[in-house]
Amino acid sequence: MFKLRSYTPLAVVLLLGMHSLQSTDVMAVDLEPKTVEAFNHYVQVTEARIDKEVMRPGAFLYLEGLPESQRSQVHATVHKGEIYMEPLETRDSSGSGLEAPDGMIHHWIGAVFIPDATLRQVLELVQNYDHHQDIYKPEVVRSRLLHRDGNDFQIFYRLREKKVITVTLNTNHDVQYFPIDATHCRSRSVATRIAEVANADGPGEQEKPVGHDEGFLWRMNSYWRFEEQDGGVYVEVESVSLTRDIPMGLGWIIKPFVTSIPRESLLMTLGSTRSAVEAITHTTARQ
């Protein structure tokens, strides 16, 4: 069974640190083909479920498929300005858990409601990749749009997070948007390259071999849903990421990252998106 831990732009995302301890002190590990295969299967089953959900009449959001009592509670939560978060676990058609040998899958979904916003305002902000380093800092250190072809984007992020150790990652992502109508849109973001950076921003900075590093982030997918209704926009983000497992003797170093950063990164992404869009709507209202 996949070992789920508290979870990543979005984004998401990820760097960790304590000033006296660098990631080079942590035992390196290889990303094995069997681990990648297991993650890809997990993603395939997850995406099949998402594809079915977004086709439901009148129930585009994940939240709209929850039992009535839970759905009402979640709607009340996000309308109060809070962030809804829930860990998920994808299972196969028989209901059995899936296996990820030598790795850990982190699967979370979160949602916010942005009052007085329009779908167009939200999409313009999330697609403004050159400015994500300002919107999603300090996790996103640098951001750059590399190429755009209609609704398909190729982007670069340098990511950083600090928790017990400091980890810096250079990442490339393919992002596809799927407009549905004037009030609904969805997107899929896949990290196509994740490289851990040694001596980041210092003398001798260099990337470690992809797949032979400390294993803090090997894969990261995110699935966004946007729905304009109730006088604002609902934004949902479902994040599925892959990290190394926690080896014996190194849990105190590795566990804080792989168990808490995925969730914290998703919280940051949702909260920062809402705050940035609200700043736009407030400015527009004053004009």
Foldseek 3Di string as FASTA:
>chain_A
DFDAFQFAVCDDFAWAADVVDAQVVFAKDFDDPQLVVLLVVQVVQVVVVLVVQCPDVPRNDPLSPDPPVVSVVVVVQQVVVHKDKDWDADDDPVRDHTDRPQKHKYKMKMKHWFAQAFPVLLVVVVPPFQCVCVLQPPQFPGKDWDDDDPQKTKMWTWGWYHDLRTKIKIWIKIKGKDDDDRFKIKMKIWTPFIWIWDQPPHPPIDTDPQRTGNFLWNIKMKMWIWGDDPRTIMIMIIMITMGGDQDPPCCVRRVVRNRHYRNVGVSSVNSSSSVVSNVVSVVVVVD
